[in-house]
Protein backbone atom coordinates (compact mmCIF):
# COMPACT_ATOMS: atom_id res chain seq x y z
CA MET A 1 -3.39 -15.75 -40.35
CA GLY A 2 -4.67 -13.12 -43.24
CA SER A 3 -5.54 -9.22 -41.80
CA ASN A 4 -9.20 -10.22 -42.58
CA SER A 5 -9.76 -13.31 -40.12
CA SER A 6 -7.58 -11.60 -38.20
CA ASN A 7 -9.88 -8.94 -37.35
CA ALA A 8 -12.62 -10.82 -37.32
CA TYR A 9 -10.95 -13.45 -34.78
CA SER A 10 -10.06 -9.91 -32.54
CA GLN A 11 -14.04 -8.90 -32.65
CA CYS A 12 -15.29 -12.72 -31.77
CA LEU A 13 -12.95 -12.94 -28.98
CA LEU A 14 -13.09 -9.48 -27.67
CA SER A 15 -17.00 -9.36 -27.51
CA ILE A 16 -17.69 -12.61 -26.06
CA LEU A 17 -14.87 -12.71 -23.19
CA SER A 18 -17.10 -9.39 -22.24
CA LYS A 19 -19.89 -11.28 -21.62
CA ARG A 20 -18.92 -13.84 -18.98
CA ILE A 21 -22.37 -14.79 -17.60
CA GLY A 22 -21.86 -16.31 -13.50
CA ILE A 23 -23.64 -19.77 -13.04
CA LEU A 24 -23.64 -22.11 -9.61
CA GLY A 25 -22.96 -18.70 -7.72
CA GLY A 26 -20.25 -17.55 -9.37
CA ALA A 27 -18.70 -21.13 -10.10
CA CYS A 28 -19.11 -21.33 -13.47
CA PHE A 29 -19.59 -18.63 -16.24
CA LEU A 30 -19.63 -19.33 -20.78
CA CYS A 31 -16.76 -18.26 -22.56
CA ILE A 32 -15.77 -18.82 -26.12
CA VAL A 33 -12.13 -18.57 -27.13
CA CYS A 34 -10.96 -18.71 -30.51
CA SER A 35 -6.95 -19.47 -31.06
CA CYS A 36 -4.80 -19.42 -34.11
CA ASN A 37 -1.67 -21.88 -34.70
CA SER A 38 1.46 -21.43 -33.43
CA ASN A 39 4.99 -22.09 -34.48
CA PRO A 40 6.89 -21.62 -31.29
CA ARG A 41 10.87 -21.97 -30.77
CA GLN A 42 11.33 -24.67 -27.95
CA GLU A 43 13.44 -25.69 -26.08
CA GLN A 44 13.28 -28.99 -23.91
CA ASN A 45 15.28 -29.08 -20.09
CA SER A 46 14.26 -32.64 -18.11
CA ARG A 47 17.02 -31.88 -15.34
CA PHE A 48 15.33 -31.19 -12.20
CA LYS A 49 15.05 -32.05 -8.70
CA GLU A 50 11.32 -33.47 -7.45
CA ALA A 51 9.79 -33.64 -3.93
CA ALA A 52 7.83 -36.09 -4.03
CA TYR A 53 5.07 -37.15 -0.56
CA LYS A 54 3.21 -40.00 -0.65
CA THR A 55 -0.53 -39.90 0.88
CA GLU A 56 0.37 -41.38 4.00
CA ASP A 57 3.79 -39.24 4.96
CA PRO A 58 3.30 -36.67 7.88
CA PRO A 59 4.23 -32.96 7.01
CA LYS A 60 7.57 -31.75 9.24
CA TYR A 61 5.44 -29.40 11.42
CA GLY A 62 2.09 -31.30 11.91
CA THR A 63 -1.26 -30.16 11.65
CA ILE A 64 -2.40 -26.36 12.63
CA THR A 65 -5.40 -24.37 12.18
CA LEU A 66 -4.77 -20.76 10.52
CA GLU A 67 -7.07 -18.23 12.68
CA PHE A 68 -8.26 -15.41 11.10
CA GLU A 69 -9.62 -12.03 12.32
CA GLU A 70 -11.36 -10.08 10.07
CA GLU A 71 -10.07 -6.29 9.90
CA PHE A 72 -12.15 -4.83 6.97
CA VAL A 73 -14.06 -5.09 4.25
CA LEU A 74 -13.75 -3.53 0.85
CA GLY A 75 -16.65 -2.61 -1.72
CA GLU A 76 -19.51 -1.97 0.92
CA ASP A 77 -19.24 1.76 1.01
CA PRO A 78 -22.76 2.81 1.26
CA GLU A 79 -21.43 6.33 -0.93
CA GLY A 80 -21.50 4.32 -4.35
CA ASN A 81 -17.86 3.04 -4.33
CA ASP A 82 -18.55 -0.42 -4.79
CA PHE A 83 -16.91 -2.41 -7.47
CA ALA A 84 -18.53 -3.27 -11.05
CA SER A 85 -17.00 -6.68 -11.11
CA ARG A 86 -13.46 -7.18 -9.77
CA SER A 87 -11.06 -9.76 -11.14
CA ASP A 88 -7.98 -9.15 -9.34
CA ILE A 89 -6.36 -8.24 -6.50
CA GLU A 90 -2.59 -7.48 -5.47
CA VAL A 91 -0.96 -6.08 -2.39
CA ASP A 92 2.60 -4.70 -1.96
CA GLY A 93 5.25 -4.41 0.91
CA LYS A 94 3.60 -1.31 2.53
CA GLY A 95 -0.16 -3.09 2.40
CA THR A 96 -1.64 -1.09 -0.43
CA ILE A 97 -4.19 -3.14 -2.01
CA TYR A 98 -4.87 -2.76 -5.96
CA VAL A 99 -7.94 -4.22 -7.10
CA LEU A 100 -8.71 -4.77 -10.60
CA ASP A 101 -12.35 -3.92 -11.54
CA TYR A 102 -13.31 -5.18 -14.98
CA GLY A 103 -16.33 -3.69 -15.26
CA MET A 104 -14.94 -0.29 -14.54
CA LYS A 105 -11.91 -0.82 -16.61
CA GLU A 106 -9.18 0.64 -13.86
CA VAL A 107 -7.48 -0.65 -10.77
CA VAL A 108 -8.87 0.91 -7.47
CA VAL A 109 -5.72 1.43 -4.90
CA PHE A 110 -6.39 1.37 -1.14
CA ASP A 111 -4.25 1.86 1.80
CA SER A 112 -3.31 -0.54 4.31
CA THR A 113 -6.24 0.50 6.28
CA GLY A 114 -8.81 0.17 3.15
CA GLN A 115 -8.92 3.44 2.74
CA ARG A 116 -9.45 4.59 -1.17
CA VAL A 117 -6.71 6.90 -2.37
CA GLY A 118 -7.26 6.73 -5.87
CA THR A 119 -7.67 4.82 -9.45
CA ILE A 120 -4.70 3.17 -12.13
CA GLY A 121 -5.75 3.30 -16.01
CA ARG A 122 -9.13 3.78 -17.42
CA GLU A 123 -10.83 2.95 -20.48
CA GLY A 124 -9.43 3.12 -23.76
CA SER A 125 -7.11 2.06 -26.78
CA GLY A 126 -4.25 4.19 -25.58
CA PRO A 127 -1.40 3.76 -23.81
CA GLY A 128 -2.26 2.94 -19.92
CA GLU A 129 -5.81 2.43 -21.02
CA PHE A 130 -7.84 -0.50 -21.09
CA SER A 131 -10.60 -2.26 -23.23
CA ARG A 132 -10.43 -6.40 -21.94
CA PRO A 133 -8.49 -6.09 -18.37
CA LEU A 134 -7.91 -9.59 -17.22
CA GLN A 135 -5.25 -10.32 -14.62
CA THR A 136 -2.51 -7.58 -12.10
CA ASN A 137 0.62 -8.67 -11.35
CA LEU A 138 2.36 -6.68 -8.63
CA VAL A 139 6.19 -7.30 -9.42
CA SER A 140 7.64 -4.81 -6.59
CA ASP A 141 6.46 -2.13 -4.35
CA ASP A 142 6.82 0.15 -7.63
CA GLU A 143 5.96 -1.72 -10.91
CA LEU A 144 2.54 -2.65 -11.15
CA PHE A 145 0.96 -4.65 -14.80
CA VAL A 146 -2.02 -4.86 -16.11
CA VAL A 147 -2.95 -7.47 -18.38
CA GLU A 148 -5.37 -7.58 -21.69
CA ILE A 149 -5.70 -10.58 -24.49
CA TYR A 150 -3.27 -8.59 -26.84
CA ARG A 151 -1.71 -5.85 -24.58
CA ILE A 152 0.29 -5.62 -21.40
CA HIS A 153 0.43 -2.03 -19.37
CA SER A 154 3.36 -1.34 -16.60
CA PHE A 155 2.96 1.63 -14.40
CA HIS A 156 4.74 3.15 -11.52
CA ALA A 157 2.92 2.79 -7.93
CA ASP A 158 1.66 6.39 -8.32
CA GLY A 159 -0.17 5.39 -11.84
CA THR A 160 2.48 6.67 -14.17
CA VAL A 161 2.27 4.66 -17.71
CA ARG A 162 5.93 2.98 -17.55
CA PHE A 163 4.98 1.41 -21.29
CA THR A 164 2.32 -0.50 -23.06
CA GLN A 165 2.64 -3.25 -25.09
CA ARG A 166 1.42 -5.77 -27.75
CA ASN A 167 1.48 -9.52 -27.24
CA GLU A 168 2.50 -12.11 -29.27
CA GLY A 169 -0.72 -14.14 -29.67
CA VAL A 170 -3.41 -14.29 -26.95
CA LEU A 171 -2.01 -14.10 -23.98
CA ILE A 172 -4.58 -15.32 -21.00
CA ARG A 173 -1.91 -14.98 -17.89
CA PHE A 174 1.13 -13.26 -17.20
CA GLN A 175 3.91 -13.11 -14.91
CA ALA A 176 7.00 -10.72 -14.49
CA LEU A 177 9.56 -11.74 -12.10
CA ILE A 178 11.96 -8.94 -10.16
CA ASN A 179 15.00 -10.70 -11.94
CA GLY A 180 13.53 -9.72 -15.22
CA GLY A 181 11.98 -12.51 -16.27
CA ARG A 182 9.07 -13.08 -17.82
CA LEU A 183 6.83 -15.88 -18.79
CA GLY A 184 3.32 -16.29 -19.60
CA VAL A 185 0.36 -18.57 -20.85
CA ILE A 186 -0.66 -17.98 -24.44
CA SER A 187 -3.71 -20.25 -25.87
CA LYS A 188 -3.04 -21.82 -29.18
CA THR A 189 -4.44 -24.91 -31.65
CA VAL A 190 -2.72 -27.69 -31.85
CA ASP A 191 -4.52 -31.09 -33.16
CA ASP A 192 -7.60 -29.43 -33.31
CA LYS A 193 -7.29 -28.65 -29.41
CA ILE A 194 -7.28 -25.46 -27.75
CA LEU A 195 -4.18 -25.69 -25.37
CA GLU A 196 -2.64 -23.70 -22.87
CA THR A 197 0.81 -23.26 -22.98
CA LEU A 198 3.75 -21.97 -20.83
CA VAL A 199 5.94 -19.69 -22.74
CA VAL A 200 8.75 -17.37 -21.78
CA ILE A 201 8.80 -13.91 -23.39
CA ASP A 202 11.43 -11.15 -23.44
CA SER A 203 11.46 -7.66 -22.98
CA LEU A 204 9.43 -6.77 -26.11
CA ASN A 205 6.93 -8.89 -25.11
CA GLN A 206 8.01 -11.62 -27.86
CA ILE A 207 7.57 -15.26 -27.30
CA THR A 208 11.18 -16.49 -27.58
CA ARG A 209 10.60 -20.49 -25.86
CA GLU A 210 7.99 -22.75 -25.17
CA ASN A 211 7.42 -25.17 -22.52
CA ASP A 212 4.97 -27.95 -23.84
CA ASP A 213 5.41 -30.44 -21.26
CA ILE A 214 2.73 -29.18 -18.76
CA PRO A 215 0.07 -27.95 -21.92
CA THR A 216 -3.90 -28.33 -20.44
CA MET A 217 -6.81 -28.99 -23.29
CA LEU A 218 -9.65 -25.79 -22.98
CA GLY A 219 -11.66 -27.54 -25.13
CA PRO A 220 -13.24 -29.54 -28.66
CA ARG A 221 -12.46 -26.91 -31.93
CA THR A 222 -15.70 -26.55 -33.98
CA THR A 223 -16.37 -24.28 -36.84
CA LEU A 224 -18.66 -21.27 -37.36
CA SER A 225 -21.03 -20.73 -40.09
CA ASP A 226 -18.06 -18.75 -42.31
CA GLY A 227 -15.36 -21.24 -41.58
CA SER A 228 -13.86 -19.60 -38.38
CA PRO A 229 -11.91 -22.40 -36.00
CA LEU A 230 -13.81 -21.40 -32.67
CA SER A 231 -13.05 -23.21 -29.21
CA VAL A 232 -16.18 -23.35 -27.00
CA ARG A 233 -16.37 -24.12 -23.47
CA VAL A 234 -18.72 -23.84 -20.26
CA ASN A 235 -16.04 -23.11 -17.41
CA HIS A 236 -17.66 -24.75 -14.18
CA ILE A 237 -15.97 -25.95 -11.06
CA TYR A 238 -14.67 -29.55 -12.01
CA THR A 239 -13.04 -27.27 -15.55
CA PRO A 240 -9.31 -28.30 -15.43
CA ARG A 241 -7.28 -24.75 -15.26
CA PHE A 242 -3.58 -23.96 -15.30
CA ILE A 243 -2.73 -21.57 -11.67
CA SER A 244 0.51 -19.82 -10.86
CA SER A 245 2.45 -17.86 -8.22
CA ALA A 246 5.85 -16.26 -8.03
CA ILE A 247 8.17 -17.14 -5.51
CA GLN A 248 10.20 -13.85 -6.04
CA PRO A 249 12.68 -12.56 -7.21
CA ASP A 250 13.55 -15.20 -9.67
CA ARG A 251 11.21 -18.14 -9.75
CA LEU A 252 7.53 -19.04 -10.33
CA ILE A 253 4.68 -21.76 -9.45
CA TYR A 254 3.26 -23.48 -12.42
CA ALA A 255 0.21 -25.75 -11.33
CA ASN A 256 -2.87 -27.75 -13.37
CA THR A 257 -5.93 -27.98 -10.73
CA HIS A 258 -6.44 -31.94 -11.98
CA GLU A 259 -2.70 -32.79 -11.28
CA TYR A 260 -1.07 -32.88 -7.89
CA ALA A 261 2.25 -31.80 -9.51
CA LEU A 262 3.75 -28.21 -8.69
CA ASN A 263 6.25 -27.55 -11.33
CA VAL A 264 8.88 -24.75 -10.04
CA LEU A 265 10.29 -22.85 -12.74
CA ASP A 266 13.11 -20.55 -13.17
CA SER A 267 12.87 -17.56 -14.87
CA ARG A 268 13.99 -19.33 -18.34
CA GLY A 269 10.84 -21.39 -18.09
CA ASP A 270 13.18 -24.68 -17.14
CA THR A 271 11.70 -26.73 -14.20
CA LEU A 272 13.60 -26.51 -11.11
CA ARG A 273 11.74 -29.47 -9.05
CA ILE A 274 8.53 -30.42 -8.94
CA ILE A 275 6.27 -31.14 -5.92
CA ARG A 276 4.05 -34.15 -5.81
CA ARG A 277 1.68 -35.67 -3.40
CA ASP A 278 0.40 -38.89 -4.10
CA LEU A 279 -3.51 -38.82 -3.29
CA PRO A 280 -6.11 -40.45 -4.53
CA LYS A 281 -8.56 -39.45 -7.74
CA ALA A 282 -12.35 -38.83 -7.19
CA PRO A 283 -14.17 -39.44 -10.13
CA ILE A 284 -17.03 -36.78 -10.63
CA SER A 285 -20.58 -38.65 -10.12
CA LYS A 286 -23.01 -38.48 -12.28
CA LYS A 287 -25.56 -36.27 -9.50
CA GLN A 288 -22.54 -34.03 -9.77
CA LYS A 289 -22.52 -33.99 -13.80
CA GLU A 290 -26.28 -33.47 -13.61
CA THR A 291 -26.07 -30.68 -11.19
CA VAL A 292 -23.64 -28.81 -13.65
CA ILE A 293 -25.88 -29.16 -16.56
CA GLU A 294 -29.07 -28.48 -15.22
CA SER A 295 -27.47 -24.91 -14.00
CA VAL A 296 -25.89 -24.12 -17.40
CA SER A 297 -29.24 -25.27 -19.42
CA LYS A 298 -31.20 -22.41 -17.67
CA ASN A 299 -28.80 -19.65 -18.64
CA PRO A 300 -30.53 -17.50 -20.95
CA THR A 301 -27.49 -17.30 -23.14
CA ALA A 302 -26.98 -21.25 -23.47
CA ARG A 303 -30.59 -21.62 -24.46
CA THR A 304 -29.83 -20.05 -27.65
CA TRP A 305 -26.82 -22.34 -28.39
CA PRO A 306 -27.65 -25.33 -30.86
CA LYS A 307 -27.51 -28.35 -28.63
CA HIS A 308 -24.62 -30.12 -30.04
CA LEU A 309 -23.06 -26.88 -29.18
CA LEU A 310 -23.98 -27.02 -25.49
CA GLU A 311 -22.91 -30.97 -24.67
CA GLU A 312 -19.51 -29.99 -26.60
CA ALA A 313 -18.82 -26.63 -24.67
CA ILE A 314 -19.60 -28.88 -21.01
CA TYR A 315 -16.29 -30.63 -20.94
CA PHE A 316 -15.79 -32.91 -18.23
CA PRO A 317 -12.30 -34.22 -16.81
CA ASP A 318 -11.59 -37.96 -15.74
CA SER A 319 -11.80 -36.44 -11.94
CA GLN A 320 -12.11 -33.70 -9.84
CA PRO A 321 -9.55 -31.26 -9.07
CA PHE A 322 -6.94 -31.81 -6.46
CA PHE A 323 -7.05 -28.01 -5.34
CA TRP A 324 -8.47 -25.19 -6.06
CA GLY A 325 -5.56 -22.52 -6.03
CA VAL A 326 -2.06 -22.19 -5.13
CA ILE A 327 -0.16 -19.04 -3.47
CA THR A 328 2.85 -17.95 -2.04
CA ASP A 329 3.51 -15.59 0.90
CA ASP A 330 6.01 -12.68 1.45
CA LYS A 331 8.48 -16.04 3.33
CA GLU A 332 8.34 -17.70 -0.04
CA ARG A 333 6.25 -20.96 1.64
CA ILE A 334 3.17 -21.92 -0.72
CA TYR A 335 0.01 -22.70 0.13
CA VAL A 336 -1.76 -25.38 -1.90
CA PHE A 337 -5.55 -25.10 -1.09
CA LEU A 338 -7.19 -28.42 -1.73
CA ALA A 339 -10.61 -29.16 -3.21
CA ASN A 340 -12.62 -31.04 -0.43
CA MET A 341 -16.12 -31.69 -2.40
CA GLU A 342 -18.73 -33.89 -1.44
CA ALA A 343 -21.37 -35.53 -3.99
CA ASP A 344 -24.37 -33.21 -2.95
CA GLN A 345 -21.93 -29.80 -2.02
CA GLY A 346 -19.85 -27.33 -3.54
CA PRO A 347 -16.30 -26.85 -3.05
CA GLU A 348 -14.94 -26.30 0.44
CA HIS A 349 -11.70 -24.54 1.18
CA ASN A 350 -10.44 -25.88 4.25
CA SER A 351 -7.69 -28.08 3.76
CA VAL A 352 -4.30 -26.29 3.13
CA ASP A 353 -1.04 -28.30 2.70
CA ILE A 354 1.96 -25.64 3.12
CA PHE A 355 5.46 -26.03 1.52
CA SER A 356 8.66 -24.50 2.05
CA LYS A 357 10.24 -22.94 -0.98
CA ASP A 358 12.33 -25.94 -1.51
CA GLY A 359 9.43 -28.34 -1.33
CA THR A 360 9.63 -29.62 2.08
CA TYR A 361 6.28 -30.45 2.94
CA LEU A 362 5.64 -28.32 6.56
CA TYR A 363 2.26 -28.19 7.72
CA GLN A 364 -1.31 -29.90 6.92
CA ALA A 365 -3.46 -27.09 8.07
CA LYS A 366 -7.14 -26.28 7.94
CA SER A 367 -8.62 -22.53 6.88
CA GLU A 368 -11.74 -20.99 7.54
CA VAL A 369 -11.07 -18.52 4.70
CA SER A 370 -9.55 -19.07 0.77
CA PRO A 371 -7.42 -15.80 0.26
CA SER A 372 -5.58 -14.78 -2.79
CA VAL A 373 -3.04 -13.16 -1.28
CA ILE A 374 -1.35 -13.41 1.98
CA ARG A 375 1.40 -10.93 3.00
CA ASN A 376 3.00 -9.49 6.24
CA GLY A 377 0.40 -11.92 8.11
CA LYS A 378 -2.49 -10.92 6.64
CA ALA A 379 -4.61 -12.25 4.37
CA TYR A 380 -6.62 -10.73 1.39
CA GLY A 381 -9.48 -12.92 -0.18
CA ILE A 382 -12.42 -11.84 -3.01
CA THR A 383 -15.89 -12.84 -2.18
CA VAL A 384 -19.38 -12.39 -3.99
CA ASP A 385 -22.33 -11.89 -1.74
CA GLN A 386 -24.78 -14.78 -3.20
CA GLU A 387 -27.62 -12.43 -2.63
CA THR A 388 -26.69 -9.14 -4.24
CA GLY A 389 -24.22 -10.48 -6.86
CA ASN A 390 -21.50 -8.03 -5.66
CA PRO A 391 -18.12 -8.56 -5.25
CA THR A 392 -15.96 -7.62 -1.93
CA VAL A 393 -12.65 -7.38 -0.66
CA THR A 394 -11.73 -9.10 2.80
CA CYS A 395 -8.58 -8.31 4.89
CA TRP A 396 -7.68 -10.56 7.39
CA THR A 397 -5.16 -10.66 10.09
CA ILE A 398 -3.82 -13.81 10.60
CA THR A 399 -3.40 -14.27 14.77
CA ASN A 400 -0.93 -17.49 14.68
CA TRP A 401 1.13 -15.76 11.63
CA SER A 402 4.14 -15.99 13.97
CA ASP A 403 3.69 -19.54 14.95
CA LEU A 404 4.49 -20.71 11.41
CA LYS A 405 7.66 -22.01 10.45
CA ILE A 406 9.75 -21.44 7.26
CA GLU A 407 11.67 -24.43 6.45
C-alpha cells in the first residue's frame, strides 16, 4: 500500500471509529473498518488435547448459584467524576481498578475501596498519549498496556510510561502474558472478506506468526467512490465476535461466540487444548431480525446510507451466539457466560459454565450479574444507565466464593 492510500486509510478508520453510535440500549453500534491485504508468516500445529462435553454431560460438582453483594458503584459521583464513555476495565492483585475512559482519552485509577486516586495517560500523539484507546491489558501489578489501532503503550502502575510502539497492521485486540508472550487479533482482507485473525507478536510489536485455523468474517467488502476498499458492518447482539482472556502466566483463552470451542493457547499461539460443549444451535427468528433492522434504520447515521450499503452492513449469521463472554479468575477457573435469548427479549446473562484450567467441567452456575473481571472473591462489571446513558462500574463481593472448587 502506497503512502497516499495508507494516509487515506488511516484517516477513514480513525474518524469513523470515533463515531460509534449506540443502538438497542448499547447492544448495537455502527462501525466501518478498512483493511489492507497481508502476507503473514504462518506455521501450523495440530497437536492438542480436547476436552469435549455433550449437552447431557453433568458438571463434576453439579449446579451452583453465584451470590453477589454490592460494595460500591463508580461513575455516580455528584461532583462530576462520571466517565465520558468507558470501554474497558482491569483490576490488579491489590484491588486497584483501572477504567479506560475512551471519551476522555485516559485511564482512571481507583483504589480497592472505590476512591479515585489518579489517571494514566492523556489525549495526544506522543509516547503514553492516546488518540483512539480501545483496550487495556493488565499483565502484572506493575505493567499496564493500553491498546490503540496503530500503537500500544506500556505503563508502570504509577503511570510512568515504559514504552510506546507502533503496531504492524490493524490491531483490534491485544494480550500480553507474564512470560513475555504477546498475542493479538488483526484485521485483514482475504478473498474480498474482512477477517479477524490471531497473530503472535514479538517484543518489537512485529507479527511473527499467524493462526488461520480460527478466523471470523467481519463483513462483505465494498468500494468507495475513490476506489478505496471498505468494509461496512453494523454490530448487533447476534454479530459473531472473538473474545479472549488470559490464564497467566503463559496461556490464553480464545473463542468465537458462535462456536462453543474454547481454544487454550500457549504464548506461541499453539493450541494446547480445546474445550467444547455439544449444544444445539438456535436460529435467529424473523422477528429478531426485524427488531435489529428497525432499530438500525432509525439511527440518524444509518438514514444517510444508501439502501444497498445498509442491507450489506446488517449481517446476520446462521445462528444465535452460544455465549457473550469468557473470563478467567485468579484461581485459573474459566467462566463462560451463556447467551440465553427468547424471541421477544434481549440477552439474559444468567447461565454460566465454569471450567478448571485443564478443561474439567466444574459447575453449571447461575449468576444475576455479568462481570468483566473476577478477582480475589470480587466481581467487577460495566453497565450503562438506560435512562441517562451514563456508564458505571460496579464492584460486588461474591459471598459464596470460598465454596467454589478449583479442580
